[in-house]
């Protein structure tokens, strides 16, 4: 007889409970800190061009993060979020995807965006919310999006993208597409209800989605050991009937391989997969955060020795795929290019106020038009406080 509870039934005659740590999941590691391989490690198949594209993407994001945090401190942009120490998680995973696989990000995935081809100018235009910004100046800085490269626009509310990713992947399945959706989130977002709803939805519908958890140790100021008890996030997937893998998030080769296999499994078996990457958020949560209030400098220094870029660079040098001196010169040039692009973007005019109410409906409603007029009245009262295009309000 079929089991209506959908549970595996085995029989015992003495009571026995299953403990919180009954399930422990190993961590995939390929690269050591010195760029050497572990003795029994299997290196993923990577051609030189792809390997260097991954490296260039990480170096670019590191340089961009340094410059734009400084720009925020100078008052040139209002907000910024770095992915310092987590570059391998997003670049390595993006490299393992097809270019038409949808990316649904949280807010620390600029590495995936860069790997997909987002230009320096596009980054700057979004950060300065000028009239060339693809989002028309409507979003906070670092809330990127691009239809052309299959990168869904980022939302500020935590974990909203998780059930959305389940639905999007299910639609891909119904349409017969040979593509998946990857959904990035932090271990803090895994405490939200949307995490549980999204995973259960994907499991029941057998949606080919890759849930990618960046477990970086902190949900803003709350350390992981105060967020949950149990073996990280990957074990939760098992409870929903989802296959999972854990990987060293500072090891880009391991991240690449784990994501490649996750994608293969998701598409071949038409089911969800969860990848948990263990890394460390070396920077603050955002430009509004001061991590010295909740963690020690000694702790940060220990993790700095685990730098994902330095580790991968050493491996590339061992492969003979990277020239040491040329790479250093290229990095210096990159920093100047970023500074030059910043100076251009900050001088580009802001979008017209009328664009605030376009694209919401086919035609702006009376309510939206009324709200727009009230905003214009406010701007007219304080013209010096608002950098309006052309210095006026229509």
Protein backbone atom coordinates (compact mmCIF):
# COMPACT_ATOMS: atom_id res chain seq x y z
CA UNK A 1 0.00 0.00 0.00
CA UNK A 2 1.27 3.49 -0.85
CA UNK A 3 2.50 5.60 2.04
CA UNK A 4 0.43 8.83 2.17
CA UNK A 5 3.03 10.50 4.41
CA UNK A 6 5.79 10.10 1.82
CA UNK A 7 8.19 8.99 4.53
CA UNK A 8 10.57 6.04 4.62
CA UNK A 9 9.16 3.67 7.21
CA UNK A 10 11.50 1.40 9.14
CA UNK A 11 10.58 -0.31 12.37
CA UNK A 12 12.32 -0.33 15.74
CA UNK A 13 11.04 -1.53 19.10
CA UNK A 14 13.02 0.77 21.36
CA UNK A 15 12.75 4.56 21.21
CA UNK A 16 15.71 6.28 19.56
CA UNK A 17 15.98 9.91 18.51
CA UNK A 18 18.12 11.25 15.67
CA UNK A 19 20.42 14.04 16.89
CA UNK A 20 21.20 17.41 15.34
CA UNK A 21 24.63 16.26 14.18
CA UNK A 22 23.59 12.86 12.85
CA UNK A 23 24.39 14.12 9.37
CA UNK A 24 27.77 15.71 8.60
CA UNK A 25 28.74 16.76 5.10
CA UNK A 26 32.39 16.81 3.89
CA UNK A 27 33.99 19.83 2.19
CA UNK A 28 35.42 19.55 -1.30
CA UNK A 29 38.96 20.98 -1.55
CA UNK A 30 41.28 20.88 -4.57
CA UNK A 31 43.79 23.74 -4.09
CA UNK A 32 46.01 24.30 -1.07
CA UNK A 33 46.93 27.79 0.13
CA UNK A 34 50.31 27.55 -1.64
CA UNK A 35 48.70 26.82 -5.01
CA UNK A 36 49.58 23.12 -4.91
CA UNK A 37 46.99 20.38 -5.32
CA UNK A 38 45.86 17.97 -2.65
CA UNK A 39 47.33 14.54 -3.28
CA UNK A 40 44.10 12.85 -4.35
CA UNK A 41 42.45 15.92 -5.90
CA UNK A 42 40.95 15.77 -9.37
CA UNK A 43 41.48 19.03 -11.27
CA UNK A 44 38.49 20.10 -13.36
CA UNK A 45 38.96 20.38 -17.11
CA UNK A 46 39.79 24.04 -17.69
CA UNK A 47 41.34 25.59 -20.76
CA UNK A 48 43.80 28.45 -20.36
CA UNK A 49 41.39 31.08 -21.72
CA UNK A 50 38.64 30.21 -19.23
CA UNK A 51 41.10 29.94 -16.34
CA UNK A 52 42.51 33.41 -17.04
CA UNK A 53 39.04 34.88 -17.52
CA UNK A 54 38.17 33.63 -14.05
CA UNK A 55 41.34 35.17 -12.62
CA UNK A 56 40.80 38.49 -14.40
CA UNK A 57 37.24 38.66 -13.08
CA UNK A 58 38.41 38.16 -9.49
CA UNK A 59 41.19 40.73 -9.80
CA UNK A 60 38.80 43.23 -11.38
CA UNK A 61 36.25 42.87 -8.59
CA UNK A 62 38.90 43.20 -5.89
CA UNK A 63 40.15 46.44 -7.46
CA UNK A 64 36.60 47.74 -8.02
CA UNK A 65 35.65 47.01 -4.41
CA UNK A 66 38.67 48.87 -3.05
CA UNK A 67 38.02 51.96 -5.17
CA UNK A 68 34.27 52.12 -4.68
CA UNK A 69 34.39 51.71 -0.92
CA UNK A 70 36.81 54.64 -0.92
CA UNK A 71 34.38 56.56 -3.14
CA UNK A 72 31.60 55.94 -0.64
CA UNK A 73 33.77 57.19 2.20
CA UNK A 74 34.43 60.32 0.13
CA UNK A 75 30.70 60.90 -0.26
CA UNK A 76 30.71 60.27 -4.00
CA UNK A 77 28.24 57.37 -3.80
CA UNK A 78 25.76 56.63 -1.04
CA UNK A 79 26.34 52.93 -0.36
CA UNK A 80 28.58 50.01 -1.26
CA UNK A 81 29.05 46.31 -0.54
CA UNK A 82 32.29 44.43 -1.05
CA UNK A 83 32.77 40.72 -1.71
CA UNK A 84 36.29 40.74 -0.23
CA UNK A 85 37.35 37.15 0.48
CA UNK A 86 34.40 35.67 -1.44
CA UNK A 87 35.49 36.34 -5.02
CA UNK A 88 36.05 32.65 -5.78
CA UNK A 89 32.51 31.69 -4.80
CA UNK A 90 30.73 33.79 -7.40
CA UNK A 91 33.32 33.81 -10.19
CA UNK A 92 34.00 30.08 -9.95
CA UNK A 93 30.31 29.20 -9.96
CA UNK A 94 29.44 31.58 -12.81
CA UNK A 95 32.23 30.11 -14.92
CA UNK A 96 30.63 26.65 -14.63
CA UNK A 97 27.31 27.82 -16.05
CA UNK A 98 25.94 28.24 -19.54
CA UNK A 99 25.71 31.89 -20.59
CA UNK A 100 21.90 31.60 -20.79
CA UNK A 101 21.45 30.10 -17.32
CA UNK A 102 19.60 32.67 -15.22
CA UNK A 103 21.45 34.23 -12.29
CA UNK A 104 19.41 35.40 -9.32
CA UNK A 105 21.75 37.16 -6.94
CA UNK A 106 21.55 38.48 -3.41
CA UNK A 107 23.90 41.49 -3.33
CA UNK A 108 27.50 40.24 -3.16
CA UNK A 109 27.70 38.56 -6.57
CA UNK A 110 29.45 41.21 -8.65
CA UNK A 111 32.02 38.56 -9.57
CA UNK A 112 29.40 36.55 -11.44
CA UNK A 113 28.21 39.71 -13.15
CA UNK A 114 31.70 40.60 -14.29
CA UNK A 115 32.39 37.08 -15.56
CA UNK A 116 29.23 37.30 -17.65
CA UNK A 117 30.58 40.44 -19.34
CA UNK A 118 29.19 43.41 -17.39
CA UNK A 119 31.45 46.30 -18.38
CA UNK A 120 33.34 48.72 -16.17
CA UNK A 121 31.15 51.53 -17.50
CA UNK A 122 27.97 49.61 -16.66
CA UNK A 123 29.18 49.06 -13.10
CA UNK A 124 29.93 52.75 -12.70
CA UNK A 125 26.68 53.95 -14.26
CA UNK A 126 24.69 51.81 -11.84
CA UNK A 127 26.71 52.86 -8.80
CA UNK A 128 26.23 56.54 -9.66
CA UNK A 129 22.61 55.95 -10.80
CA UNK A 130 23.06 58.24 -13.79
CA UNK A 131 21.01 58.45 -16.98
CA UNK A 132 23.03 55.64 -18.58
CA UNK A 133 22.23 53.22 -15.74
CA UNK A 134 20.35 50.16 -17.03
CA UNK A 135 18.08 50.48 -13.98
CA UNK A 136 17.30 54.13 -14.77
CA UNK A 137 18.60 55.27 -11.40
CA UNK A 138 15.83 53.57 -9.43
CA UNK A 139 17.93 51.19 -7.38
CA UNK A 140 20.43 51.52 -4.57
CA UNK A 141 24.09 51.10 -5.58
CA UNK A 142 25.20 47.45 -6.10
CA UNK A 143 21.65 46.42 -7.04
CA UNK A 144 22.66 45.39 -10.54
CA UNK A 145 20.66 43.75 -13.29
CA UNK A 146 21.04 43.01 -16.99
CA UNK A 147 18.57 41.33 -19.31
CA UNK A 148 21.23 40.83 -21.97
CA UNK A 149 23.42 38.60 -19.79
CA UNK A 150 20.65 36.79 -17.89
CA UNK A 151 21.23 38.49 -14.55
CA UNK A 152 18.00 39.23 -12.72
CA UNK A 153 17.88 42.65 -11.04
CA UNK A 154 18.78 42.46 -7.36
CA UNK A 155 16.20 43.25 -4.68
CA UNK A 156 17.03 44.63 -1.24
CA UNK A 157 14.63 42.46 0.81
CA UNK A 158 16.47 39.38 2.00
CA UNK A 159 15.79 35.96 0.40
CA UNK A 160 13.03 37.07 -1.99
CA UNK A 161 15.00 35.61 -4.90
CA UNK A 162 14.89 32.06 -3.50
CA UNK A 163 11.23 31.17 -4.25
CA UNK A 164 11.48 33.29 -7.41
CA UNK A 165 14.36 31.10 -8.58
CA UNK A 166 12.31 27.96 -7.95
CA UNK A 167 9.51 29.35 -10.08
CA UNK A 168 11.81 30.53 -12.84
CA UNK A 169 13.58 27.16 -13.03
CA UNK A 170 10.22 25.37 -13.09
CA UNK A 171 9.20 27.56 -16.03
CA UNK A 172 12.45 26.65 -17.81
CA UNK A 173 11.54 23.00 -17.29
CA UNK A 174 8.00 23.45 -18.62
CA UNK A 175 9.34 25.21 -21.71
CA UNK A 176 11.79 22.38 -22.37
CA UNK A 177 14.86 24.58 -22.08
CA UNK A 178 18.24 23.00 -21.44
CA UNK A 179 19.08 25.68 -18.89
CA UNK A 180 19.05 26.10 -15.16
CA UNK A 181 18.76 28.96 -12.68
CA UNK A 182 21.35 29.62 -10.00
CA UNK A 183 20.21 31.38 -6.85
CA UNK A 184 22.79 32.98 -4.55
CA UNK A 185 22.17 33.77 -0.89
CA UNK A 186 24.04 33.94 2.40
CA UNK A 187 23.66 31.67 5.41
CA UNK A 188 21.78 34.50 7.13
CA UNK A 189 19.16 34.47 4.37
CA UNK A 190 18.71 30.75 5.05
CA UNK A 191 17.03 31.80 8.30
CA UNK A 192 14.24 33.52 6.36
CA UNK A 193 10.94 31.85 5.63
CA UNK A 194 11.45 32.32 1.89
CA UNK A 195 14.41 29.91 2.06
CA UNK A 196 12.24 27.09 3.35
CA UNK A 197 9.33 27.89 1.05
CA UNK A 198 11.63 28.11 -1.96
CA UNK A 199 13.45 24.85 -1.29
CA UNK A 200 10.29 22.92 -0.61
CA UNK A 201 8.67 24.34 -3.74
CA UNK A 202 11.64 23.34 -5.88
CA UNK A 203 11.80 19.87 -4.37
CA UNK A 204 8.12 19.13 -4.85
CA UNK A 205 8.00 20.55 -8.39
CA UNK A 206 11.41 19.04 -9.26
CA UNK A 207 12.67 22.36 -10.58
CA UNK A 208 16.23 22.32 -12.01
CA UNK A 209 17.55 25.13 -9.80
CA UNK A 210 20.97 25.43 -8.14
CA UNK A 211 20.71 26.95 -4.67
CA UNK A 212 24.14 28.45 -3.93
CA UNK A 213 24.69 29.39 -0.29
CA UNK A 214 27.64 31.64 0.49
CA UNK A 215 28.27 30.70 4.12
CA UNK A 216 30.64 33.54 5.02
CA UNK A 217 30.35 33.25 8.79
CA UNK A 218 28.24 36.31 9.58
CA UNK A 219 24.72 37.58 8.95
CA UNK A 220 25.64 41.25 9.30
CA UNK A 221 26.86 41.13 12.93
CA UNK A 222 25.50 37.72 13.95
CA UNK A 223 28.01 34.84 13.76
CA UNK A 224 26.88 31.52 12.35
CA UNK A 225 27.06 29.79 15.75
CA UNK A 226 24.39 32.18 17.01
CA UNK A 227 22.21 31.71 13.93
CA UNK A 228 21.75 27.94 13.93
CA UNK A 229 22.81 24.63 15.46
CA UNK A 230 23.68 21.79 13.17
CA UNK A 231 26.06 21.07 10.33
CA UNK A 232 25.80 24.29 8.33
CA UNK A 233 23.22 24.85 5.58
CA UNK A 234 23.84 21.89 3.27
CA UNK A 235 22.24 19.39 5.66
CA UNK A 236 18.96 21.30 5.44
CA UNK A 237 18.70 20.42 1.76
CA UNK A 238 18.66 16.73 2.66
CA UNK A 239 15.63 17.33 4.85
CA UNK A 240 13.78 18.61 1.79
CA UNK A 241 14.88 15.70 -0.37
CA UNK A 242 17.46 17.80 -2.23
CA UNK A 243 20.98 16.65 -3.05
CA UNK A 244 23.75 18.86 -1.62
CA UNK A 245 27.48 19.42 -1.77
CA UNK A 246 29.77 21.53 0.42
CA UNK A 247 32.86 23.23 -1.00
CA UNK A 248 35.78 25.37 0.14
CA UNK A 249 34.63 28.81 -1.01
CA UNK A 250 38.21 30.12 -1.15
CA UNK A 251 39.17 27.42 -3.66
CA UNK A 252 37.97 28.52 -7.09
CA UNK A 253 38.76 25.16 -8.71
CA UNK A 254 36.63 23.35 -6.13
CA UNK A 255 33.80 25.89 -6.55
CA UNK A 256 33.93 25.51 -10.32
CA UNK A 257 33.83 21.72 -10.17
CA UNK A 258 31.06 21.59 -7.56
CA UNK A 259 28.89 23.95 -9.61
CA UNK A 260 29.61 22.12 -12.86
CA UNK A 261 28.48 18.85 -11.31
CA UNK A 262 25.47 20.52 -9.68
CA UNK A 263 24.36 21.91 -13.04
CA UNK A 264 24.81 18.52 -14.70
CA UNK A 265 22.75 16.84 -11.99
CA UNK A 266 20.01 19.49 -12.04
CA UNK A 267 19.49 19.21 -15.79
CA UNK A 268 19.97 15.47 -16.24
CA UNK A 269 17.74 14.52 -13.31
CA UNK A 270 15.51 17.62 -13.50
CA UNK A 271 15.69 18.38 -9.80
CA UNK A 272 17.13 21.02 -7.46
CA UNK A 273 20.63 20.93 -5.98
CA UNK A 274 22.20 22.91 -3.15
CA UNK A 275 25.84 24.03 -3.02
CA UNK A 276 27.22 25.44 0.23
CA UNK A 277 30.47 27.40 -0.12
CA UNK A 278 32.41 27.99 3.10
CA UNK A 279 34.33 31.27 2.87
CA UNK A 280 34.80 34.34 5.06
CA UNK A 281 33.57 37.88 4.63
CA UNK A 282 36.82 39.78 5.08
CA UNK A 283 35.19 43.17 4.65
CA UNK A 284 32.33 44.77 6.50
CA UNK A 285 28.78 43.69 5.75
CA UNK A 286 28.36 46.97 3.88
CA UNK A 287 29.67 50.52 3.95
CA UNK A 288 27.19 51.13 6.79
CA UNK A 289 28.75 48.45 9.01
CA UNK A 290 31.73 48.41 11.38
CA UNK A 291 32.81 44.78 11.97
CA UNK A 292 35.25 45.75 14.75
CA UNK A 293 32.23 45.86 17.04
CA UNK A 294 31.53 42.13 16.75
CA UNK A 295 34.71 40.34 15.65
CA UNK A 296 38.42 40.58 16.36
CA UNK A 297 41.25 41.74 14.14
CA UNK A 298 43.06 38.50 14.96
CA UNK A 299 40.16 36.50 13.52
CA UNK A 300 40.21 38.51 10.31
CA UNK A 301 44.00 38.17 10.00
CA UNK A 302 43.75 34.37 10.26
CA UNK A 303 41.36 34.30 7.33
CA UNK A 304 43.43 36.75 5.25
CA UNK A 305 46.01 33.99 4.93
CA UNK A 306 43.31 32.05 3.05
CA UNK A 307 43.00 34.64 0.26
CA UNK A 308 41.24 33.07 -2.76
CA UNK A 309 42.96 35.28 -5.34
CA UNK A 310 46.46 34.69 -4.03
CA UNK A 311 45.87 30.93 -3.92
CA UNK A 312 44.56 30.78 -7.49
CA UNK A 313 47.32 33.08 -8.74
CA UNK A 314 49.96 30.69 -7.41
CA UNK A 315 48.29 27.80 -9.22
CA UNK A 316 48.20 29.75 -12.49
CA UNK A 317 51.90 30.58 -12.13
CA UNK A 318 52.67 26.89 -11.57
CA UNK A 319 50.72 26.08 -14.75
CA UNK A 320 52.76 28.60 -16.72
CA UNK A 321 49.55 30.41 -17.67
CA UNK A 322 50.39 33.67 -15.94
CA UNK A 323 53.40 35.96 -16.19
CA UNK A 324 54.26 37.45 -12.80
CA UNK A 325 55.56 40.86 -13.87
CA UNK A 326 52.99 41.36 -16.62
CA UNK A 327 50.22 40.53 -14.17
CA UNK A 328 51.40 43.11 -11.65
CA UNK A 329 51.60 45.79 -14.35
CA UNK A 330 48.12 44.86 -15.60
CA UNK A 331 46.69 45.24 -12.10
CA UNK A 332 48.16 48.73 -11.78
CA UNK A 333 46.65 49.70 -15.12
CA UNK A 334 43.29 48.31 -14.06
CA UNK A 335 43.21 50.48 -10.94
CA UNK A 336 43.78 53.58 -13.08
CA UNK A 337 41.07 52.53 -15.55
CA UNK A 338 38.59 52.16 -12.70
CA UNK A 339 39.45 55.59 -11.32
CA UNK A 340 39.10 57.15 -14.79
CA UNK A 341 35.71 55.49 -15.33
CA UNK A 342 34.55 56.71 -11.92
CA UNK A 343 35.38 60.32 -12.82
CA UNK A 344 33.40 60.04 -16.04
CA UNK A 345 30.33 58.35 -14.52
CA UNK A 346 29.93 60.79 -11.65
CA UNK A 347 29.63 63.68 -14.11
CA UNK A 348 26.88 62.10 -16.23
CA UNK A 349 23.47 63.63 -15.59
CA UNK A 350 20.82 61.90 -13.50
CA UNK A 351 17.76 60.36 -15.19
CA UNK A 352 14.71 62.56 -15.74
CA UNK A 353 12.26 62.41 -12.83
CA UNK A 354 9.51 61.24 -15.20
CA UNK A 355 11.31 57.91 -15.58
CA UNK A 356 10.41 57.05 -11.99
CA UNK A 357 6.89 56.08 -13.05
CA UNK A 358 7.54 54.49 -16.45
CA UNK A 359 7.66 50.70 -16.95
CA UNK A 360 5.45 50.05 -13.91
CA UNK A 361 2.32 49.90 -16.05
CA UNK A 362 1.79 50.34 -19.80
CA UNK A 363 0.73 53.88 -18.96
CA UNK A 364 1.31 55.65 -15.61
CA UNK A 365 -1.82 55.57 -13.45
CA UNK A 366 -3.45 58.68 -12.01
CA UNK A 367 -2.06 57.74 -8.61
CA UNK A 368 1.50 57.51 -9.93
CA UNK A 369 1.15 60.80 -11.79
CA UNK A 370 -0.16 62.45 -8.63
CA UNK A 371 2.76 61.14 -6.61
CA UNK A 372 5.18 62.38 -9.29
CA UNK A 373 3.73 65.89 -9.15
CA UNK A 374 4.07 65.98 -5.37
CA UNK A 375 7.71 64.91 -5.72
CA UNK A 376 8.32 67.68 -8.24
CA UNK A 377 6.79 70.23 -5.88
CA UNK A 378 9.15 69.05 -3.16
CA UNK A 379 12.21 69.27 -5.44
CA UNK A 380 11.22 72.80 -6.50
CA UNK A 381 11.21 73.84 -2.85
CA UNK A 382 14.76 72.54 -2.34
CA UNK A 383 16.52 72.84 -5.74
CA UNK A 384 20.01 72.86 -4.26
CA UNK A 385 19.51 69.52 -2.55
CA UNK A 386 18.59 67.51 -5.66
CA UNK A 387 20.88 67.07 -8.69
CA UNK A 388 18.09 67.14 -11.29
CA UNK A 389 18.97 66.73 -14.97
CA UNK A 390 19.38 70.15 -16.56
CA UNK A 391 19.10 71.82 -13.16
CA UNK A 392 15.33 72.09 -13.38
CA UNK A 393 12.09 70.19 -12.93
CA UNK A 394 9.62 70.06 -15.79
